[in-house]
Amino acid sequence: MNAYPSNIQVKPEVTPFFDAATNTISYVVKDPNSKSCAVIDSVMDIDYFAGRITYDNADEIIAFIQDNELELEWLIETHVHADHLSAAPYIQSKLGGKIGIGEQITVVQETFGKVFNEGTEFQRDGSQFDALFTDGDTYQIGTMQVVAIHTPGHTPACMTHVVGDVGFVGDTLFMPDGGSARADFPGGDAAELYDSIQKVLALPEETRLFMCHDYGPNGRDIEWETSVADEKAHNIHVGGGATKEDFVKFRTERDAQLAVPKLIIPSLQVNMRAGEVPADDDGNPMLKVPVNAL
């Protein structure tokens, strides 16, 4: 039985924003009973080879919030993304709101603080974020209560955020024909990922699940919404009663064949800082490229 509080009768209004460059879906989730809203997994655009950052995707979200006269209360990161950069501080500078992530961000910061040879000035206590969530923590978007569920395996800091009949799963699950995310990053674990997926699948079957990524397997159109019932019945990695042993074997073998994400180097440096770009000693935005470290 699911031990997390939820009210399936509450039906948030969810608006997706697809970023084709990174196959990321960001969301504005609105309280149907007020003007309050939150942004989930925003994207900051980067031309990595040119060293240029822009904000077209974030500006689209900002315009939507302003045009609908919404009040932004939260900017939620489901985890420290390795494939896109967060625009949370940029959006926050325009609209306010608090930036939140799972408390295990400290593990990620400690791990990659070493990889990128960050000095003692880089705080590894999660203080770059406004809120750190533990398993079962709740917070409000207007009149709606949100529960943060710790779902590690892809990364230690992964959280699924459930509000009413909606769950934002980050990279814990993909669409049923996409399966699940890799578990071979530092701190990742396929067995933990299986257990985390079971937490999600223990939610009411009618719960709407929203993905952080979709890659259109087999040439289909991009999709981002499914349900607990559909995942339980049809997910190609964990559906139909797949065992933990089978999942771990498959995930381990599959992950060994996967390439490193193209934006992993800038993404980790920025996202472990809550979306802020690191700077050199003179205060200029600057990214490092560690060699043979990832």
C-alpha atoms as a PDB file:
ATOM      1  CA  MET A   1       0.000   0.000   0.000  1.00  0.00           C
ATOM      2  CA  ASN A   2       1.240   3.499  -0.844  1.00  0.00           C
ATOM      3  CA  ALA A   3       2.262   5.249   2.380  1.00  0.00           C
ATOM      4  CA  TYR A   4       2.468   8.763   0.920  1.00  0.00           C
ATOM      5  CA  PRO A   5      -0.361  11.283   1.385  1.00  0.00           C
ATOM      6  CA  SER A   6      -2.269  12.187  -1.772  1.00  0.00           C
ATOM      7  CA  ASN A   7      -5.670  13.434  -2.857  1.00  0.00           C
ATOM      8  CA  ILE A   8      -6.498  11.926  -6.220  1.00  0.00           C
ATOM      9  CA  GLN A   9      -9.525  14.241  -6.476  1.00  0.00           C
ATOM     10  CA  VAL A  10      -7.248  17.270  -6.933  1.00  0.00           C
ATOM     11  CA  LYS A  11      -6.489  17.746 -10.629  1.00  0.00           C
ATOM     12  CA  PRO A  12      -3.677  20.216 -11.305  1.00  0.00           C
ATOM     13  CA  GLU A  13      -3.484  22.003 -14.645  1.00  0.00           C
ATOM     14  CA  VAL A  14      -0.253  20.894 -16.374  1.00  0.00           C
ATOM     15  CA  THR A  15       1.266  22.711 -19.360  1.00  0.00           C
ATOM     16  CA  PRO A  16       4.305  21.101 -21.058  1.00  0.00           C
ATOM     17  CA  PHE A  17       7.211  22.841 -22.802  1.00  0.00           C
ATOM     18  CA  PHE A  18       9.353  20.606 -25.019  1.00  0.00           C
ATOM     19  CA  ASP A  19      13.016  21.426 -25.657  1.00  0.00           C
ATOM     20  CA  ALA A  20      14.002  19.635 -28.861  1.00  0.00           C
ATOM     21  CA  ALA A  21      17.740  20.202 -28.374  1.00  0.00           C
ATOM     22  CA  THR A  22      17.806  18.066 -25.199  1.00  0.00           C
ATOM     23  CA  ASN A  23      14.531  16.096 -25.512  1.00  0.00           C
ATOM     24  CA  THR A  24      13.511  17.599 -22.166  1.00  0.00           C
ATOM     25  CA  ILE A  25       9.968  18.406 -21.133  1.00  0.00           C
ATOM     26  CA  SER A  26       9.524  21.198 -18.594  1.00  0.00           C
ATOM     27  CA  TYR A  27       6.181  21.888 -16.969  1.00  0.00           C
ATOM     28  CA  VAL A  28       4.122  24.644 -15.461  1.00  0.00           C
ATOM     29  CA  VAL A  29       1.776  23.065 -12.925  1.00  0.00           C
ATOM     30  CA  LYS A  30      -1.073  25.314 -11.766  1.00  0.00           C
ATOM     31  CA  ASP A  31      -3.440  25.110  -8.839  1.00  0.00           C
ATOM     32  CA  PRO A  32      -6.969  25.033 -10.378  1.00  0.00           C
ATOM     33  CA  ASN A  33      -8.274  26.969  -7.378  1.00  0.00           C
ATOM     34  CA  SER A  34      -5.834  29.889  -7.488  1.00  0.00           C
ATOM     35  CA  LYS A  35      -3.225  31.654  -9.602  1.00  0.00           C
ATOM     36  CA  SER A  36      -0.385  29.763  -7.907  1.00  0.00           C
ATOM     37  CA  CYS A  37       1.952  27.633  -9.986  1.00  0.00           C
ATOM     38  CA  ALA A  38       5.303  25.847 -10.039  1.00  0.00           C
ATOM     39  CA  VAL A  39       7.856  25.143 -12.752  1.00  0.00           C
ATOM     40  CA  ILE A  40       9.293  21.633 -13.018  1.00  0.00           C
ATOM     41  CA  ASP A  41      12.719  20.963 -14.604  1.00  0.00           C
ATOM     42  CA  SER A  42      13.324  24.157 -16.580  1.00  0.00           C
ATOM     43  CA  VAL A  43      15.922  24.336 -19.376  1.00  0.00           C
ATOM     44  CA  MET A  44      18.656  26.888 -20.077  1.00  0.00           C
ATOM     45  CA  ASP A  45      19.880  26.767 -23.673  1.00  0.00           C
ATOM     46  CA  ILE A  46      23.598  26.281 -24.387  1.00  0.00           C
ATOM     47  CA  ASP A  47      25.676  26.118 -27.532  1.00  0.00           C
ATOM     48  CA  TYR A  48      28.441  24.174 -25.834  1.00  0.00           C
ATOM     49  CA  PHE A  49      30.941  24.412 -28.675  1.00  0.00           C
ATOM     50  CA  ALA A  50      30.466  28.161 -29.019  1.00  0.00           C
ATOM     51  CA  GLY A  51      30.387  28.725 -25.268  1.00  0.00           C
ATOM     52  CA  ARG A  52      27.124  30.659 -25.518  1.00  0.00           C
ATOM     53  CA  ILE A  53      24.135  30.509 -23.165  1.00  0.00           C
ATOM     54  CA  THR A  54      20.668  31.767 -24.123  1.00  0.00           C
ATOM     55  CA  TYR A  55      17.207  31.591 -22.590  1.00  0.00           C
ATOM     56  CA  ASP A  56      14.644  31.007 -25.355  1.00  0.00           C
ATOM     57  CA  ASN A  57      13.048  28.008 -23.625  1.00  0.00           C
ATOM     58  CA  ALA A  58      12.914  29.740 -20.246  1.00  0.00           C
ATOM     59  CA  ASP A  59      11.521  32.922 -21.803  1.00  0.00           C
ATOM     60  CA  GLU A  60       8.649  30.907 -23.271  1.00  0.00           C
ATOM     61  CA  ILE A  61       7.786  29.643 -19.789  1.00  0.00           C
ATOM     62  CA  ILE A  62       8.093  33.132 -18.308  1.00  0.00           C
ATOM     63  CA  ALA A  63       5.794  34.562 -21.002  1.00  0.00           C
ATOM     64  CA  PHE A  64       3.208  31.846 -20.329  1.00  0.00           C
ATOM     65  CA  ILE A  65       3.203  32.617 -16.597  1.00  0.00           C
ATOM     66  CA  GLN A  66       2.996  36.362 -17.158  1.00  0.00           C
ATOM     67  CA  ASP A  67       0.347  36.159 -19.889  1.00  0.00           C
ATOM     68  CA  ASN A  68      -1.866  34.069 -17.611  1.00  0.00           C
ATOM     69  CA  GLU A  69      -1.139  36.300 -14.597  1.00  0.00           C
ATOM     70  CA  LEU A  70       0.110  33.372 -12.541  1.00  0.00           C
ATOM     71  CA  GLU A  71       2.120  33.543  -9.330  1.00  0.00           C
ATOM     72  CA  LEU A  72       5.247  31.396  -9.334  1.00  0.00           C
ATOM     73  CA  GLU A  73       5.848  29.756  -5.964  1.00  0.00           C
ATOM     74  CA  TRP A  74       8.321  26.964  -6.729  1.00  0.00           C
ATOM     75  CA  LEU A  75      11.023  25.986  -9.205  1.00  0.00           C
ATOM     76  CA  ILE A  76      11.483  22.248  -8.740  1.00  0.00           C
ATOM     77  CA  GLU A  77      14.423  20.161  -9.908  1.00  0.00           C
ATOM     78  CA  THR A  78      13.554  16.460  -9.889  1.00  0.00           C
ATOM     79  CA  HIS A  79      17.308  15.703  -9.784  1.00  0.00           C
ATOM     80  CA  VAL A  80      20.714  16.984 -10.902  1.00  0.00           C
ATOM     81  CA  HIS A  81      20.345  16.595 -14.648  1.00  0.00           C
ATOM     82  CA  ALA A  82      23.281  15.390 -16.733  1.00  0.00           C
ATOM     83  CA  ASP A  83      21.777  16.246 -20.113  1.00  0.00           C
ATOM     84  CA  HIS A  84      20.522  19.820 -19.840  1.00  0.00           C
ATOM     85  CA  LEU A  85      21.192  22.962 -17.831  1.00  0.00           C
ATOM     86  CA  SER A  86      18.641  24.357 -15.390  1.00  0.00           C
ATOM     87  CA  ALA A  87      17.190  27.825 -15.951  1.00  0.00           C
ATOM     88  CA  ALA A  88      15.815  28.028 -12.405  1.00  0.00           C
ATOM     89  CA  PRO A  89      17.836  31.061 -11.209  1.00  0.00           C
ATOM     90  CA  TYR A  90      17.077  32.963 -14.423  1.00  0.00           C
ATOM     91  CA  ILE A  91      13.331  32.369 -14.066  1.00  0.00           C
ATOM     92  CA  GLN A  92      13.551  33.139 -10.353  1.00  0.00           C
ATOM     93  CA  SER A  93      15.181  36.503 -11.141  1.00  0.00           C
ATOM     94  CA  LYS A  94      12.178  37.398 -13.306  1.00  0.00           C
ATOM     95  CA  LEU A  95       9.286  35.900 -11.350  1.00  0.00           C
ATOM     96  CA  GLY A  96      10.427  34.936  -7.853  1.00  0.00           C
ATOM     97  CA  GLY A  97       9.711  31.544  -6.326  1.00  0.00           C
ATOM     98  CA  LYS A  98      11.874  29.104  -4.378  1.00  0.00           C
ATOM     99  CA  ILE A  99      14.234  26.538  -5.893  1.00  0.00           C
ATOM    100  CA  GLY A 100      13.896  23.036  -4.422  1.00  0.00           C
ATOM    101  CA  ILE A 101      15.656  19.691  -4.851  1.00  0.00           C
ATOM    102  CA  GLY A 102      16.171  16.458  -2.899  1.00  0.00           C
ATOM    103  CA  GLU A 103      18.474  16.620   0.120  1.00  0.00           C
ATOM    104  CA  GLN A 104      20.817  14.062  -1.418  1.00  0.00           C
ATOM    105  CA  ILE A 105      22.097  16.882  -3.621  1.00  0.00           C
ATOM    106  CA  THR A 106      24.875  16.980  -1.021  1.00  0.00           C
ATOM    107  CA  VAL A 107      26.056  13.527  -2.159  1.00  0.00           C
ATOM    108  CA  VAL A 108      26.089  14.691  -5.769  1.00  0.00           C
ATOM    109  CA  GLN A 109      27.967  17.860  -4.833  1.00  0.00           C
ATOM    110  CA  GLU A 110      30.569  15.903  -2.904  1.00  0.00           C
ATOM    111  CA  THR A 111      31.079  13.437  -5.757  1.00  0.00           C
ATOM    112  CA  PHE A 112      31.328  15.930  -8.586  1.00  0.00           C
ATOM    113  CA  GLY A 113      33.042  18.584  -6.525  1.00  0.00           C
ATOM    114  CA  LYS A 114      35.989  16.185  -6.625  1.00  0.00           C
ATOM    115  CA  VAL A 115      35.592  15.381 -10.333  1.00  0.00           C
ATOM    116  CA  PHE A 116      35.702  19.066 -11.247  1.00  0.00           C
ATOM    117  CA  ASN A 117      38.365  19.891  -8.656  1.00  0.00           C
ATOM    118  CA  GLU A 118      36.207  22.532  -6.995  1.00  0.00           C
ATOM    119  CA  GLY A 119      37.863  24.470  -4.216  1.00  0.00           C
ATOM    120  CA  THR A 120      36.699  24.958  -0.659  1.00  0.00           C
ATOM    121  CA  GLU A 121      34.629  27.954  -1.776  1.00  0.00           C
ATOM    122  CA  PHE A 122      32.192  25.515  -3.423  1.00  0.00           C
ATOM    123  CA  GLN A 123      29.714  24.623  -0.703  1.00  0.00           C
ATOM    124  CA  ARG A 124      28.686  20.968  -0.624  1.00  0.00           C
ATOM    125  CA  ASP A 125      25.772  21.396   1.785  1.00  0.00           C
ATOM    126  CA  GLY A 126      23.018  22.181  -0.710  1.00  0.00           C
ATOM    127  CA  SER A 127      22.901  25.812   0.402  1.00  0.00           C
ATOM    128  CA  GLN A 128      22.658  26.997  -3.216  1.00  0.00           C
ATOM    129  CA  PHE A 129      19.038  25.826  -3.139  1.00  0.00           C
ATOM    130  CA  ASP A 130      16.169  27.395  -1.192  1.00  0.00           C
ATOM    131  CA  ALA A 131      14.725  24.059  -0.025  1.00  0.00           C
ATOM    132  CA  LEU A 132      16.021  20.509   0.341  1.00  0.00           C
ATOM    133  CA  PHE A 133      13.372  17.792   0.435  1.00  0.00           C
ATOM    134  CA  THR A 134      13.528  14.539   2.368  1.00  0.00           C
ATOM    135  CA  ASP A 135      11.377  11.504   1.626  1.00  0.00           C
ATOM    136  CA  GLY A 136       7.741  12.284   2.431  1.00  0.00           C
ATOM    137  CA  ASP A 137       8.180  16.042   2.811  1.00  0.00           C
ATOM    138  CA  THR A 138       5.215  18.151   1.748  1.00  0.00           C
ATOM    139  CA  TYR A 139       4.906  21.696   0.445  1.00  0.00           C
ATOM    140  CA  GLN A 140       2.160  23.851  -1.070  1.00  0.00           C
ATOM    141  CA  ILE A 141       1.371  25.195  -4.520  1.00  0.00           C
ATOM    142  CA  GLY A 142      -1.530  27.458  -3.657  1.00  0.00           C
ATOM    143  CA  THR A 143      -4.203  25.218  -2.135  1.00  0.00           C
ATOM    144  CA  MET A 144      -2.546  22.020  -3.377  1.00  0.00           C
ATOM    145  CA  GLN A 145      -0.314  19.865  -1.198  1.00  0.00           C
ATOM    146  CA  VAL A 146       2.685  18.297  -2.935  1.00  0.00           C
ATOM    147  CA  VAL A 147       4.563  15.302  -1.553  1.00  0.00           C
ATOM    148  CA  ALA A 148       8.210  14.680  -2.441  1.00  0.00           C
ATOM    149  CA  ILE A 149       9.086  10.982  -2.718  1.00  0.00           C
ATOM    150  CA  HIS A 150      12.731   9.931  -2.713  1.00  0.00           C
ATOM    151  CA  THR A 151      13.259   7.770  -5.812  1.00  0.00           C
ATOM    152  CA  PRO A 152      17.024   7.219  -6.165  1.00  0.00           C
ATOM    153  CA  GLY A 153      18.769   4.895  -8.581  1.00  0.00           C
ATOM    154  CA  HIS A 154      19.327   7.129 -11.584  1.00  0.00           C
ATOM    155  CA  THR A 155      21.014   9.599  -9.211  1.00  0.00           C
ATOM    156  CA  PRO A 156      21.059   9.808  -5.390  1.00  0.00           C
ATOM    157  CA  ALA A 157      19.021  13.038  -5.340  1.00  0.00           C
ATOM    158  CA  CYS A 158      16.118  11.915  -7.563  1.00  0.00           C
ATOM    159  CA  MET A 159      12.669  12.796  -6.243  1.00  0.00           C
ATOM    160  CA  THR A 160       9.193  12.182  -7.633  1.00  0.00           C
ATOM    161  CA  HIS A 161       6.785  15.029  -6.859  1.00  0.00           C
ATOM    162  CA  VAL A 162       3.127  14.034  -6.474  1.00  0.00           C
ATOM    163  CA  VAL A 163       0.324  16.589  -6.383  1.00  0.00           C
ATOM    164  CA  GLY A 164      -3.291  15.444  -6.571  1.00  0.00           C
ATOM    165  CA  ASP A 165      -3.652  13.016  -9.470  1.00  0.00           C
ATOM    166  CA  VAL A 166      -0.295  13.998 -10.994  1.00  0.00           C
ATOM    167  CA  GLY A 167       3.257  12.702 -10.517  1.00  0.00           C
ATOM    168  CA  PHE A 168       6.394  14.276 -11.963  1.00  0.00           C
ATOM    169  CA  VAL A 169       8.834  11.374 -12.128  1.00  0.00           C
ATOM    170  CA  GLY A 170      11.985  13.041 -13.477  1.00  0.00           C
ATOM    171  CA  ASP A 171      14.162  10.286 -14.972  1.00  0.00           C
ATOM    172  CA  THR A 172      12.891   7.518 -12.703  1.00  0.00           C
ATOM    173  CA  LEU A 173      10.629   6.306 -15.524  1.00  0.00           C
ATOM    174  CA  PHE A 174      10.193   6.933 -19.236  1.00  0.00           C
ATOM    175  CA  MET A 175       7.104   6.377 -21.364  1.00  0.00           C
ATOM    176  CA  PRO A 176       6.101   2.681 -21.404  1.00  0.00           C
ATOM    177  CA  ASP A 177       7.906   2.031 -24.702  1.00  0.00           C
ATOM    178  CA  GLY A 178      10.993   3.882 -23.411  1.00  0.00           C
ATOM    179  CA  GLY A 179      11.391   1.910 -20.187  1.00  0.00           C
ATOM    180  CA  SER A 180      13.718   3.457 -17.629  1.00  0.00           C
ATOM    181  CA  ALA A 181      16.760   5.691 -17.338  1.00  0.00           C
ATOM    182  CA  ARG A 182      20.354   4.575 -16.944  1.00  0.00           C
ATOM    183  CA  ALA A 183      21.733   3.820 -13.487  1.00  0.00           C
ATOM    184  CA  ASP A 184      25.485   3.885 -14.114  1.00  0.00           C
ATOM    185  CA  PHE A 185      26.328   7.467 -13.154  1.00  0.00           C
ATOM    186  CA  PRO A 186      28.327   7.896  -9.909  1.00  0.00           C
ATOM    187  CA  GLY A 187      25.857   7.229  -7.098  1.00  0.00           C
ATOM    188  CA  GLY A 188      23.442   5.433  -9.392  1.00  0.00           C
ATOM    189  CA  ASP A 189      22.252   1.895  -8.682  1.00  0.00           C
ATOM    190  CA  ALA A 190      20.002  -0.357 -10.765  1.00  0.00           C
ATOM    191  CA  ALA A 191      18.573  -2.197  -7.750  1.00  0.00           C
ATOM    192  CA  GLU A 192      17.690   1.110  -6.083  1.00  0.00           C
ATOM    193  CA  LEU A 193      16.102   2.299  -9.319  1.00  0.00           C
ATOM    194  CA  TYR A 194      13.887  -0.789  -9.444  1.00  0.00           C
ATOM    195  CA  ASP A 195      12.762  -0.182  -5.858  1.00  0.00           C
ATOM    196  CA  SER A 196      12.087   3.484  -6.627  1.00  0.00           C
ATOM    197  CA  ILE A 197       9.988   2.575  -9.647  1.00  0.00           C
ATOM    198  CA  GLN A 198       7.905   0.307  -7.403  1.00  0.00           C
ATOM    199  CA  LYS A 199       7.174   3.336  -5.190  1.00  0.00           C
ATOM    200  CA  VAL A 200       5.817   5.165  -8.223  1.00  0.00           C
ATOM    201  CA  LEU A 201       3.811   2.163  -9.369  1.00  0.00           C
ATOM    202  CA  ALA A 202       2.251   1.920  -5.894  1.00  0.00           C
ATOM    203  CA  LEU A 203       0.461   5.228  -6.490  1.00  0.00           C
ATOM    204  CA  PRO A 204      -3.220   5.043  -7.496  1.00  0.00           C
ATOM    205  CA  GLU A 205      -3.489   3.561 -10.984  1.00  0.00           C
ATOM    206  CA  GLU A 206      -5.254   6.638 -12.371  1.00  0.00           C
ATOM    207  CA  THR A 207      -2.357   8.893 -11.361  1.00  0.00           C
ATOM    208  CA  ARG A 208      -1.105  10.832 -14.391  1.00  0.00           C
ATOM    209  CA  LEU A 209       2.667  10.551 -14.771  1.00  0.00           C
ATOM    210  CA  PHE A 210       4.726  13.213 -16.548  1.00  0.00           C
ATOM    211  CA  MET A 211       8.164  12.406 -17.963  1.00  0.00           C
ATOM    212  CA  CYS A 212      11.256  14.624 -17.925  1.00  0.00           C
ATOM    213  CA  HIS A 213      12.469  13.205 -21.258  1.00  0.00           C
ATOM    214  CA  ASP A 214      11.165  11.423 -24.313  1.00  0.00           C
ATOM    215  CA  TYR A 215      13.113  10.323 -27.382  1.00  0.00           C
ATOM    216  CA  GLY A 216      10.327   9.017 -29.619  1.00  0.00           C
ATOM    217  CA  PRO A 217      11.306   5.321 -29.742  1.00  0.00           C
ATOM    218  CA  ASN A 218      10.825   3.651 -33.129  1.00  0.00           C
ATOM    219  CA  GLY A 219      10.073   6.989 -34.752  1.00  0.00           C
ATOM    220  CA  ARG A 220       6.842   7.806 -32.916  1.00  0.00           C
ATOM    221  CA  ASP A 221       5.885  11.372 -32.033  1.00  0.00           C
ATOM    222  CA  ILE A 222       7.233  12.817 -28.783  1.00  0.00           C
ATOM    223  CA  GLU A 223       4.996  12.057 -25.788  1.00  0.00           C
ATOM    224  CA  TRP A 224       5.261  12.933 -22.111  1.00  0.00           C
ATOM    225  CA  GLU A 225       2.103  11.829 -20.277  1.00  0.00           C
ATOM    226  CA  THR A 226       1.133   8.316 -19.249  1.00  0.00           C
ATOM    227  CA  SER A 227      -0.389   6.739 -16.120  1.00  0.00           C
ATOM    228  CA  VAL A 228       0.520   4.345 -13.363  1.00  0.00           C
ATOM    229  CA  ALA A 229      -1.831   1.769 -14.891  1.00  0.00           C
ATOM    230  CA  ASP A 230      -0.163   2.019 -18.302  1.00  0.00           C
ATOM    231  CA  GLU A 231       3.335   1.785 -16.835  1.00  0.00           C
ATOM    232  CA  LYS A 232       2.423  -1.259 -14.751  1.00  0.00           C
ATOM    233  CA  ALA A 233       0.928  -3.034 -17.740  1.00  0.00           C
ATOM    234  CA  HIS A 234       3.195  -1.975 -20.597  1.00  0.00           C
ATOM    235  CA  ASN A 235       6.556  -0.566 -19.463  1.00  0.00           C
ATOM    236  CA  ILE A 236       9.140  -2.568 -21.424  1.00  0.00           C
ATOM    237  CA  HIS A 237      11.591  -2.693 -18.491  1.00  0.00           C
ATOM    238  CA  VAL A 238       9.417  -3.080 -15.390  1.00  0.00           C
ATOM    239  CA  GLY A 239       5.861  -3.726 -16.563  1.00  0.00           C
ATOM    240  CA  GLY A 240       3.997  -7.002 -16.415  1.00  0.00           C
ATOM    241  CA  GLY A 241       5.601  -8.083 -13.155  1.00  0.00           C
ATOM    242  CA  ALA A 242       9.260  -7.946 -14.243  1.00  0.00           C
ATOM    243  CA  THR A 243      11.522  -9.152 -11.417  1.00  0.00           C
ATOM    244  CA  LYS A 244      14.187  -7.091  -9.718  1.00  0.00           C
ATOM    245  CA  GLU A 245      16.865  -9.574 -10.765  1.00  0.00           C
ATOM    246  CA  ASP A 246      15.864  -9.376 -14.431  1.00  0.00           C
ATOM    247  CA  PHE A 247      15.737  -5.586 -14.313  1.00  0.00           C
ATOM    248  CA  VAL A 248      19.177  -5.247 -12.704  1.00  0.00           C
ATOM    249  CA  LYS A 249      20.709  -7.639 -15.234  1.00  0.00           C
ATOM    250  CA  PHE A 250      19.160  -5.833 -18.180  1.00  0.00           C
ATOM    251  CA  ARG A 251      19.911  -2.334 -16.879  1.00  0.00           C
ATOM    252  CA  THR A 252      23.548  -3.185 -16.093  1.00  0.00           C
ATOM    253  CA  GLU A 253      24.157  -4.707 -19.515  1.00  0.00           C
ATOM    254  CA  ARG A 254      22.347  -1.901 -21.316  1.00  0.00           C
ATOM    255  CA  ASP A 255      24.117   0.888 -19.439  1.00  0.00           C
ATOM    256  CA  ALA A 256      27.517  -0.519 -20.396  1.00  0.00           C
ATOM    257  CA  GLN A 257      26.621   0.181 -24.036  1.00  0.00           C
ATOM    258  CA  LEU A 258      25.475   3.792 -23.588  1.00  0.00           C
ATOM    259  CA  ALA A 259      27.532   6.827 -24.534  1.00  0.00           C
ATOM    260  CA  VAL A 260      28.168   9.679 -22.113  1.00  0.00           C
ATOM    261  CA  PRO A 261      25.500  12.417 -22.491  1.00  0.00           C
ATOM    262  CA  LYS A 262      26.713  15.237 -24.737  1.00  0.00           C
ATOM    263  CA  LEU A 263      26.064  17.957 -22.173  1.00  0.00           C
ATOM    264  CA  ILE A 264      27.150  16.097 -19.042  1.00  0.00           C
ATOM    265  CA  ILE A 265      30.202  18.313 -18.366  1.00  0.00           C
ATOM    266  CA  PRO A 266      28.425  21.695 -18.371  1.00  0.00           C
ATOM    267  CA  SER A 267      25.198  20.275 -16.963  1.00  0.00           C
ATOM    268  CA  LEU A 268      26.706  18.846 -13.792  1.00  0.00           C
ATOM    269  CA  GLN A 269      28.766  21.939 -13.035  1.00  0.00           C
ATOM    270  CA  VAL A 270      25.754  24.217 -13.432  1.00  0.00           C
ATOM    271  CA  ASN A 271      23.020  22.047 -11.958  1.00  0.00           C
ATOM    272  CA  MET A 272      24.853  21.136  -8.753  1.00  0.00           C
ATOM    273  CA  ARG A 273      24.943  24.917  -8.206  1.00  0.00           C
ATOM    274  CA  ALA A 274      21.150  25.240  -8.581  1.00  0.00           C
ATOM    275  CA  GLY A 275      21.533  26.512 -12.147  1.00  0.00           C
ATOM    276  CA  GLU A 276      24.276  29.063 -11.592  1.00  0.00           C
ATOM    277  CA  VAL A 277      27.213  29.046 -14.017  1.00  0.00           C
ATOM    278  CA  PRO A 278      30.557  28.755 -12.163  1.00  0.00           C
ATOM    279  CA  ALA A 279      33.021  31.613 -12.434  1.00  0.00           C
ATOM    280  CA  ASP A 280      36.798  31.940 -12.581  1.00  0.00           C
ATOM    281  CA  ASP A 281      38.865  33.951 -10.089  1.00  0.00           C
ATOM    282  CA  ASP A 282      37.986  37.176 -11.913  1.00  0.00           C
ATOM    283  CA  GLY A 283      34.253  36.485 -11.786  1.00  0.00           C
ATOM    284  CA  ASN A 284      33.906  35.501 -15.455  1.00  0.00           C
ATOM    285  CA  PRO A 285      31.525  32.611 -16.267  1.00  0.00           C
ATOM    286  CA  MET A 286      33.743  29.603 -16.885  1.00  0.00           C
ATOM    287  CA  LEU A 287      33.296  25.844 -17.272  1.00  0.00           C
ATOM    288  CA  LYS A 288      35.944  23.192 -16.702  1.00  0.00           C
ATOM    289  CA  VAL A 289      36.592  20.126 -18.858  1.00  0.00           C
ATOM    290  CA  PRO A 290      38.120  17.346 -16.752  1.00  0.00           C
ATOM    291  CA  VAL A 291      40.049  14.813 -18.802  1.00  0.00           C
ATOM    292  CA  ASN A 292      39.397  11.062 -18.404  1.00  0.00           C
ATOM    293  CA  ALA A 293      37.332  11.759 -15.263  1.00  0.00           C
ATOM    294  CA  LEU A 294      33.852  10.723 -16.445  1.00  0.00           C
END
